[in-house]
Structure formats: structure tokens, C-alpha cells
């Protein structure tokens, strides 16, 4: 039996498990969603957003793409951000990268990746901005891990540049967070991004509200 054959059997068991705990689970789920967190993470199959945070359906609004990027001309991620911030009124936005990220590693290789080239170029731009720091790291794996962290930081900055986030910070104290998931240990690492410091530093140029 391959993976797809298992899907509907797993679904039946999942429904049964949920109903045993709460007979009104699906009735409640159908009433709508009110998540407090927008999670922007990587598409990597090893990194499941709700599971690693211990949340269930309805508790987190999720967007995933290769290397957890927030690119201003990507209508997908921008639509998700605006919907989550302006309509769902989330209180927190989390950008969560992960160590051993294939997208980040690919961006550091001198190779033609075809259709991925323009996407990975955004990560290469992060590498360029922090080249001195990264080139000083001799261990290649540690260099990749540090770029993962710096990429998360830059995507947090990209969020802060948007009008929707700036308005929400001003009007209701929305907070942007940068995390990394350590696949080797299962731990979430808070990078403790200086959100307010970054905001104050870039507003002279990027203020939109």
C-alpha cells in the first residue's frame, strides 16, 4: 500500500479520534477561524507548522514556500499577509526557517537551477548583504545554518516594509517574530529579532502608513 492508499484510511481514523475527544469538533470548526498567529514557513516536507508548535486546526494561519520567503512581488504571500493582518487580525507573524534547508543550500551553489533561479536569487541577495560574516565561517554546514538565520531576519524585515504590517503595528501592536526549527533536535529557536529596533531603523525609507 503506497502513501495515497493510506490517505483516506488515515482520514477516517482522524475523524474518529477527533469525535471521541469532542463530538462537536467539526461543527465548531465550520463556524469559522480566529487564529492569533500567521506562520510563514518552508515547504520542506519535514517541517509541519501546526505539529511542531503543538497546535491544531483553526489555531494558526499558514503560508509555506521554498525557504520561507516574503517577496514583495509574490502575490501569493502578499495576499496571505494582507488577509491575515487586515481581516483575521492576527496578533503575531512568525517567519520560521529550518536548519538543513535545501533552498538555502541551493542558493549557495554556483549552478543553474532553471525556473528556481529568480526565486533563489532573493536568498543570494541575503548572502551578498552578509557576505563578510558568512565567508568568515569555515565550516560549510555552519555557514548554511547561519544563512538560514540571516534569511529569516531579512524576511522579517520584508514584512515590516509592508503597509499592512506597519498599520497593524501602529494600531494594535502586531509583533513580527523570527524562528528557526532545528530538524536534528526538534527544537524551535527564537532568534529574538529586534523587531522594534528594525522598525525604527528602516521607517525613514520604508514608511507607508
C-alpha atoms as a PDB file:
ATOM      1  CA  UNK A   1       0.000   0.000   0.000  1.00  0.00           C
ATOM      2  CA  UNK A   2       1.543   3.329  -1.065  1.00  0.00           C
ATOM      3  CA  UNK A   3       1.080   6.712   0.639  1.00  0.00           C
ATOM      4  CA  UNK A   4      -2.019   7.725  -1.317  1.00  0.00           C
ATOM      5  CA  UNK A   5      -3.780   4.490  -0.498  1.00  0.00           C
ATOM      6  CA  UNK A   6      -3.359   5.308   3.185  1.00  0.00           C
ATOM      7  CA  UNK A   7      -4.749   8.830   2.980  1.00  0.00           C
ATOM      8  CA  UNK A   8      -8.457   8.084   3.231  1.00  0.00           C
ATOM      9  CA  UNK A   9      -7.993   5.389   5.860  1.00  0.00           C
ATOM     10  CA  UNK A  10      -5.941   7.858   7.891  1.00  0.00           C
ATOM     11  CA  UNK A  11      -8.643  10.472   7.389  1.00  0.00           C
ATOM     12  CA  UNK A  12     -11.330   8.125   8.721  1.00  0.00           C
ATOM     13  CA  UNK A  13      -9.235   7.386  11.792  1.00  0.00           C
ATOM     14  CA  UNK A  14      -8.525  11.089  12.308  1.00  0.00           C
ATOM     15  CA  UNK A  15     -12.246  11.882  12.227  1.00  0.00           C
ATOM     16  CA  UNK A  16     -12.932   9.100  14.718  1.00  0.00           C
ATOM     17  CA  UNK A  17     -10.194  10.313  17.066  1.00  0.00           C
ATOM     18  CA  UNK A  18     -11.454  13.910  16.959  1.00  0.00           C
ATOM     19  CA  UNK A  19     -15.065  12.918  17.557  1.00  0.00           C
ATOM     20  CA  UNK A  20     -14.121  10.777  20.550  1.00  0.00           C
ATOM     21  CA  UNK A  21     -12.474  13.767  22.217  1.00  0.00           C
ATOM     22  CA  UNK A  22     -15.089  16.321  21.138  1.00  0.00           C
ATOM     23  CA  UNK A  23     -18.333  15.250  19.401  1.00  0.00           C
ATOM     24  CA  UNK A  24     -18.830  18.861  18.226  1.00  0.00           C
ATOM     25  CA  UNK A  25     -15.321  19.234  16.805  1.00  0.00           C
ATOM     26  CA  UNK A  26     -16.299  19.585  13.147  1.00  0.00           C
ATOM     27  CA  UNK A  27     -19.410  21.597  13.933  1.00  0.00           C
ATOM     28  CA  UNK A  28     -17.217  24.075  15.817  1.00  0.00           C
ATOM     29  CA  UNK A  29     -14.621  24.061  13.031  1.00  0.00           C
ATOM     30  CA  UNK A  30     -17.281  25.002  10.497  1.00  0.00           C
ATOM     31  CA  UNK A  31     -18.169  28.171  12.386  1.00  0.00           C
ATOM     32  CA  UNK A  32     -15.003  29.932  11.211  1.00  0.00           C
ATOM     33  CA  UNK A  33     -11.428  30.629  12.223  1.00  0.00           C
ATOM     34  CA  UNK A  34      -9.861  33.051  14.653  1.00  0.00           C
ATOM     35  CA  UNK A  35      -6.108  32.360  14.658  1.00  0.00           C
ATOM     36  CA  UNK A  36      -3.750  34.670  16.506  1.00  0.00           C
ATOM     37  CA  UNK A  37      -0.664  33.628  14.525  1.00  0.00           C
ATOM     38  CA  UNK A  38       0.321  33.854  10.880  1.00  0.00           C
ATOM     39  CA  UNK A  39       3.093  31.327  10.270  1.00  0.00           C
ATOM     40  CA  UNK A  40       5.283  31.713   7.182  1.00  0.00           C
ATOM     41  CA  UNK A  41       7.460  28.652   6.798  1.00  0.00           C
ATOM     42  CA  UNK A  42       9.294  26.435   4.340  1.00  0.00           C
ATOM     43  CA  UNK A  43       7.586  23.891   2.078  1.00  0.00           C
ATOM     44  CA  UNK A  44      10.021  21.191   3.246  1.00  0.00           C
ATOM     45  CA  UNK A  45       8.052  18.006   3.988  1.00  0.00           C
ATOM     46  CA  UNK A  46       9.897  17.535   7.296  1.00  0.00           C
ATOM     47  CA  UNK A  47       8.631  20.808   8.762  1.00  0.00           C
ATOM     48  CA  UNK A  48       4.921  20.687   9.645  1.00  0.00           C
ATOM     49  CA  UNK A  49       3.793  24.007  11.071  1.00  0.00           C
ATOM     50  CA  UNK A  50       0.976  23.081  13.455  1.00  0.00           C
ATOM     51  CA  UNK A  51       2.609  19.885  14.667  1.00  0.00           C
ATOM     52  CA  UNK A  52       5.921  21.446  15.698  1.00  0.00           C
ATOM     53  CA  UNK A  53       4.066  24.149  17.644  1.00  0.00           C
ATOM     54  CA  UNK A  54       1.563  21.753  19.202  1.00  0.00           C
ATOM     55  CA  UNK A  55      -1.476  23.444  17.625  1.00  0.00           C
ATOM     56  CA  UNK A  56      -4.480  22.025  15.832  1.00  0.00           C
ATOM     57  CA  UNK A  57      -6.894  23.068  13.062  1.00  0.00           C
ATOM     58  CA  UNK A  58      -8.096  26.663  13.309  1.00  0.00           C
ATOM     59  CA  UNK A  59      -5.287  27.874  15.559  1.00  0.00           C
ATOM     60  CA  UNK A  60      -2.656  29.006  13.012  1.00  0.00           C
ATOM     61  CA  UNK A  61      -2.946  30.643   9.586  1.00  0.00           C
ATOM     62  CA  UNK A  62      -0.192  29.084   7.466  1.00  0.00           C
ATOM     63  CA  UNK A  63       1.729  30.000   4.341  1.00  0.00           C
ATOM     64  CA  UNK A  64       4.619  27.880   3.080  1.00  0.00           C
ATOM     65  CA  UNK A  65       7.024  28.268   0.191  1.00  0.00           C
ATOM     66  CA  UNK A  66      10.598  27.335  -0.675  1.00  0.00           C
ATOM     67  CA  UNK A  67      12.898  28.781   2.021  1.00  0.00           C
ATOM     68  CA  UNK A  68      10.126  30.769   3.774  1.00  0.00           C
ATOM     69  CA  UNK A  69      10.446  33.850   1.598  1.00  0.00           C
ATOM     70  CA  UNK A  70       8.496  37.112   1.835  1.00  0.00           C
ATOM     71  CA  UNK A  71       8.913  38.699  -1.590  1.00  0.00           C
ATOM     72  CA  UNK A  72       7.045  41.921  -2.326  1.00  0.00           C
ATOM     73  CA  UNK A  73       6.074  40.948  -5.875  1.00  0.00           C
ATOM     74  CA  UNK A  74       4.878  37.468  -4.894  1.00  0.00           C
ATOM     75  CA  UNK A  75       1.093  37.960  -4.901  1.00  0.00           C
ATOM     76  CA  UNK A  76       0.614  34.666  -3.079  1.00  0.00           C
ATOM     77  CA  UNK A  77       2.490  35.568   0.084  1.00  0.00           C
ATOM     78  CA  UNK A  78       1.356  39.210  -0.051  1.00  0.00           C
ATOM     79  CA  UNK A  79      -2.292  38.120  -0.294  1.00  0.00           C
ATOM     80  CA  UNK A  80      -1.830  35.808   2.685  1.00  0.00           C
ATOM     81  CA  UNK A  81      -0.182  38.561   4.742  1.00  0.00           C
ATOM     82  CA  UNK A  82      -2.869  41.110   3.944  1.00  0.00           C
ATOM     83  CA  UNK A  83      -5.729  38.692   4.632  1.00  0.00           C
ATOM     84  CA  UNK A  84      -4.210  37.522   7.910  1.00  0.00           C
ATOM     85  CA  UNK A  85      -3.382  41.037   9.108  1.00  0.00           C
ATOM     86  CA  UNK A  86      -6.344  43.066   7.823  1.00  0.00           C
ATOM     87  CA  UNK A  87      -9.167  40.519   8.070  1.00  0.00           C
ATOM     88  CA  UNK A  88      -8.174  37.843  10.575  1.00  0.00           C
ATOM     89  CA  UNK A  89      -6.430  40.438  12.755  1.00  0.00           C
ATOM     90  CA  UNK A  90      -3.617  38.108  13.800  1.00  0.00           C
ATOM     91  CA  UNK A  91      -1.528  39.323  16.726  1.00  0.00           C
ATOM     92  CA  UNK A  92       1.740  37.686  15.692  1.00  0.00           C
ATOM     93  CA  UNK A  93       3.508  36.916  12.429  1.00  0.00           C
ATOM     94  CA  UNK A  94       6.200  34.236  12.580  1.00  0.00           C
ATOM     95  CA  UNK A  95       8.783  33.644   9.876  1.00  0.00           C
ATOM     96  CA  UNK A  96      10.186  30.187  10.589  1.00  0.00           C
ATOM     97  CA  UNK A  97      13.173  28.799   8.730  1.00  0.00           C
ATOM     98  CA  UNK A  98      14.868  25.500   9.412  1.00  0.00           C
ATOM     99  CA  UNK A  99      18.416  24.207   9.515  1.00  0.00           C
ATOM    100  CA  UNK A 100      19.445  21.936   6.614  1.00  0.00           C
ATOM    101  CA  UNK A 101      17.190  23.928   4.288  1.00  0.00           C
ATOM    102  CA  UNK A 102      17.585  22.688   0.722  1.00  0.00           C
ATOM    103  CA  UNK A 103      16.542  26.026  -0.750  1.00  0.00           C
ATOM    104  CA  UNK A 104      19.192  27.923   1.169  1.00  0.00           C
ATOM    105  CA  UNK A 105      21.833  25.359   0.277  1.00  0.00           C
ATOM    106  CA  UNK A 106      20.869  25.507  -3.404  1.00  0.00           C
ATOM    107  CA  UNK A 107      21.177  29.283  -3.363  1.00  0.00           C
ATOM    108  CA  UNK A 108      24.796  28.961  -2.247  1.00  0.00           C
ATOM    109  CA  UNK A 109      25.736  26.702  -5.143  1.00  0.00           C
ATOM    110  CA  UNK A 110      27.084  28.001  -8.444  1.00  0.00           C
ATOM    111  CA  UNK A 111      24.555  26.145 -10.557  1.00  0.00           C
ATOM    112  CA  UNK A 112      21.770  26.909 -12.995  1.00  0.00           C
ATOM    113  CA  UNK A 113      18.570  25.837 -11.224  1.00  0.00           C
ATOM    114  CA  UNK A 114      16.239  26.695 -14.089  1.00  0.00           C
ATOM    115  CA  UNK A 115      12.883  28.137 -13.016  1.00  0.00           C
ATOM    116  CA  UNK A 116      14.174  28.342  -9.437  1.00  0.00           C
ATOM    117  CA  UNK A 117      16.850  30.884 -10.390  1.00  0.00           C
ATOM    118  CA  UNK A 118      14.755  34.055  -9.804  1.00  0.00           C
ATOM    119  CA  UNK A 119      13.414  32.681  -6.528  1.00  0.00           C
ATOM    120  CA  UNK A 120      16.823  31.650  -5.199  1.00  0.00           C
ATOM    121  CA  UNK A 121      18.276  34.986  -6.259  1.00  0.00           C
ATOM    122  CA  UNK A 122      16.477  36.531  -3.298  1.00  0.00           C
ATOM    123  CA  UNK A 123      18.431  34.252  -0.958  1.00  0.00           C
ATOM    124  CA  UNK A 124      21.636  35.034  -2.817  1.00  0.00           C
ATOM    125  CA  UNK A 125      20.887  38.699  -2.170  1.00  0.00           C
ATOM    126  CA  UNK A 126      20.826  37.904   1.560  1.00  0.00           C
ATOM    127  CA  UNK A 127      24.170  36.147   1.138  1.00  0.00           C
ATOM    128  CA  UNK A 128      25.572  39.205  -0.664  1.00  0.00           C
ATOM    129  CA  UNK A 129      24.425  41.565   2.105  1.00  0.00           C
ATOM    130  CA  UNK A 130      26.114  39.430   4.771  1.00  0.00           C
ATOM    131  CA  UNK A 131      28.996  38.091   2.678  1.00  0.00           C
ATOM    132  CA  UNK A 132      31.806  39.125   5.036  1.00  0.00           C
ATOM    133  CA  UNK A 133      30.227  37.411   8.020  1.00  0.00           C
ATOM    134  CA  UNK A 134      29.365  34.250   6.100  1.00  0.00           C
ATOM    135  CA  UNK A 135      32.702  33.920   4.318  1.00  0.00           C
ATOM    136  CA  UNK A 136      34.445  34.035   7.677  1.00  0.00           C
ATOM    137  CA  UNK A 137      32.725  30.764   8.665  1.00  0.00           C
ATOM    138  CA  UNK A 138      34.925  27.875   7.532  1.00  0.00           C
ATOM    139  CA  UNK A 139      32.559  25.004   8.333  1.00  0.00           C
ATOM    140  CA  UNK A 140      30.171  24.750   5.358  1.00  0.00           C
ATOM    141  CA  UNK A 141      27.280  23.349   7.393  1.00  0.00           C
ATOM    142  CA  UNK A 142      27.574  26.125   9.958  1.00  0.00           C
ATOM    143  CA  UNK A 143      27.691  28.632   7.115  1.00  0.00           C
ATOM    144  CA  UNK A 144      24.432  27.212   5.720  1.00  0.00           C
ATOM    145  CA  UNK A 145      22.837  27.369   9.158  1.00  0.00           C
ATOM    146  CA  UNK A 146      23.891  30.968   9.643  1.00  0.00           C
ATOM    147  CA  UNK A 147      22.465  31.898   6.247  1.00  0.00           C
ATOM    148  CA  UNK A 148      19.194  30.234   7.287  1.00  0.00           C
ATOM    149  CA  UNK A 149      19.100  32.562  10.308  1.00  0.00           C
ATOM    150  CA  UNK A 150      20.028  35.657   8.308  1.00  0.00           C
ATOM    151  CA  UNK A 151      17.429  34.791   5.690  1.00  0.00           C
ATOM    152  CA  UNK A 152      14.735  34.603   8.376  1.00  0.00           C
ATOM    153  CA  UNK A 153      15.838  38.009   9.645  1.00  0.00           C
ATOM    154  CA  UNK A 154      15.661  39.524   6.153  1.00  0.00           C
ATOM    155  CA  UNK A 155      12.176  38.106   5.565  1.00  0.00           C
ATOM    156  CA  UNK A 156      11.061  39.672   8.857  1.00  0.00           C
ATOM    157  CA  UNK A 157      12.406  42.983   7.536  1.00  0.00           C
ATOM    158  CA  UNK A 158      10.476  42.451   4.305  1.00  0.00           C
ATOM    159  CA  UNK A 159       7.305  42.027   6.343  1.00  0.00           C
ATOM    160  CA  UNK A 160       7.974  45.225   8.258  1.00  0.00           C
ATOM    161  CA  UNK A 161       8.279  47.069   4.940  1.00  0.00           C
ATOM    162  CA  UNK A 162       4.637  46.348   4.050  1.00  0.00           C
ATOM    163  CA  UNK A 163       1.835  48.836   4.645  1.00  0.00           C
ATOM    164  CA  UNK A 164      -0.469  46.225   6.221  1.00  0.00           C
ATOM    165  CA  UNK A 165       2.087  45.275   8.862  1.00  0.00           C
ATOM    166  CA  UNK A 166       3.049  48.893   9.560  1.00  0.00           C
ATOM    167  CA  UNK A 167      -0.617  49.815  10.137  1.00  0.00           C
ATOM    168  CA  UNK A 168      -1.189  46.833  12.409  1.00  0.00           C
ATOM    169  CA  UNK A 169       1.934  47.610  14.444  1.00  0.00           C
ATOM    170  CA  UNK A 170       0.758  51.196  14.898  1.00  0.00           C
ATOM    171  CA  UNK A 171      -2.907  50.476  15.566  1.00  0.00           C
ATOM    172  CA  UNK A 172      -2.856  47.241  17.577  1.00  0.00           C
ATOM    173  CA  UNK A 173       0.759  46.336  18.355  1.00  0.00           C
ATOM    174  CA  UNK A 174       1.213  43.428  15.949  1.00  0.00           C
ATOM    175  CA  UNK A 175       4.567  41.701  16.526  1.00  0.00           C
ATOM    176  CA  UNK A 176       6.844  40.021  13.959  1.00  0.00           C
ATOM    177  CA  UNK A 177       8.993  37.083  15.115  1.00  0.00           C
ATOM    178  CA  UNK A 178      11.892  35.171  13.542  1.00  0.00           C
ATOM    179  CA  UNK A 179      12.319  31.493  14.442  1.00  0.00           C
ATOM    180  CA  UNK A 180      14.345  28.540  13.215  1.00  0.00           C
ATOM    181  CA  UNK A 181      13.340  24.894  13.552  1.00  0.00           C
ATOM    182  CA  UNK A 182      16.245  22.564  14.309  1.00  0.00           C
ATOM    183  CA  UNK A 183      15.418  19.372  12.433  1.00  0.00           C
ATOM    184  CA  UNK A 184      18.144  17.451  14.286  1.00  0.00           C
ATOM    185  CA  UNK A 185      16.698  18.128  17.748  1.00  0.00           C
ATOM    186  CA  UNK A 186      13.081  19.115  17.126  1.00  0.00           C
ATOM    187  CA  UNK A 187      13.580  22.414  18.942  1.00  0.00           C
ATOM    188  CA  UNK A 188      12.227  25.780  17.907  1.00  0.00           C
ATOM    189  CA  UNK A 189      14.846  28.504  18.249  1.00  0.00           C
ATOM    190  CA  UNK A 190      13.701  32.080  18.783  1.00  0.00           C
ATOM    191  CA  UNK A 191      16.214  34.324  17.011  1.00  0.00           C
ATOM    192  CA  UNK A 192      14.987  37.193  19.184  1.00  0.00           C
ATOM    193  CA  UNK A 193      14.757  39.544  16.226  1.00  0.00           C
ATOM    194  CA  UNK A 194      14.908  43.172  17.410  1.00  0.00           C
ATOM    195  CA  UNK A 195      11.557  43.919  15.827  1.00  0.00           C
ATOM    196  CA  UNK A 196      11.080  47.425  17.206  1.00  0.00           C
ATOM    197  CA  UNK A 197      14.718  48.340  16.546  1.00  0.00           C
ATOM    198  CA  UNK A 198      14.481  47.213  12.918  1.00  0.00           C
ATOM    199  CA  UNK A 199      11.180  49.032  12.527  1.00  0.00           C
ATOM    200  CA  UNK A 200      12.615  52.309  13.799  1.00  0.00           C
ATOM    201  CA  UNK A 201      15.753  51.901  11.691  1.00  0.00           C
ATOM    202  CA  UNK A 202      14.003  51.413   8.352  1.00  0.00           C
ATOM    203  CA  UNK A 203      10.944  53.642   8.703  1.00  0.00           C
ATOM    204  CA  UNK A 204      12.736  56.687   7.301  1.00  0.00           C
ATOM    205  CA  UNK A 205      12.889  54.870   3.959  1.00  0.00           C
ATOM    206  CA  UNK A 206      10.040  52.364   4.047  1.00  0.00           C
ATOM    207  CA  UNK A 207       7.301  54.207   5.957  1.00  0.00           C
ATOM    208  CA  UNK A 208       3.984  53.679   4.167  1.00  0.00           C
ATOM    209  CA  UNK A 209       1.295  54.262   6.810  1.00  0.00           C
END
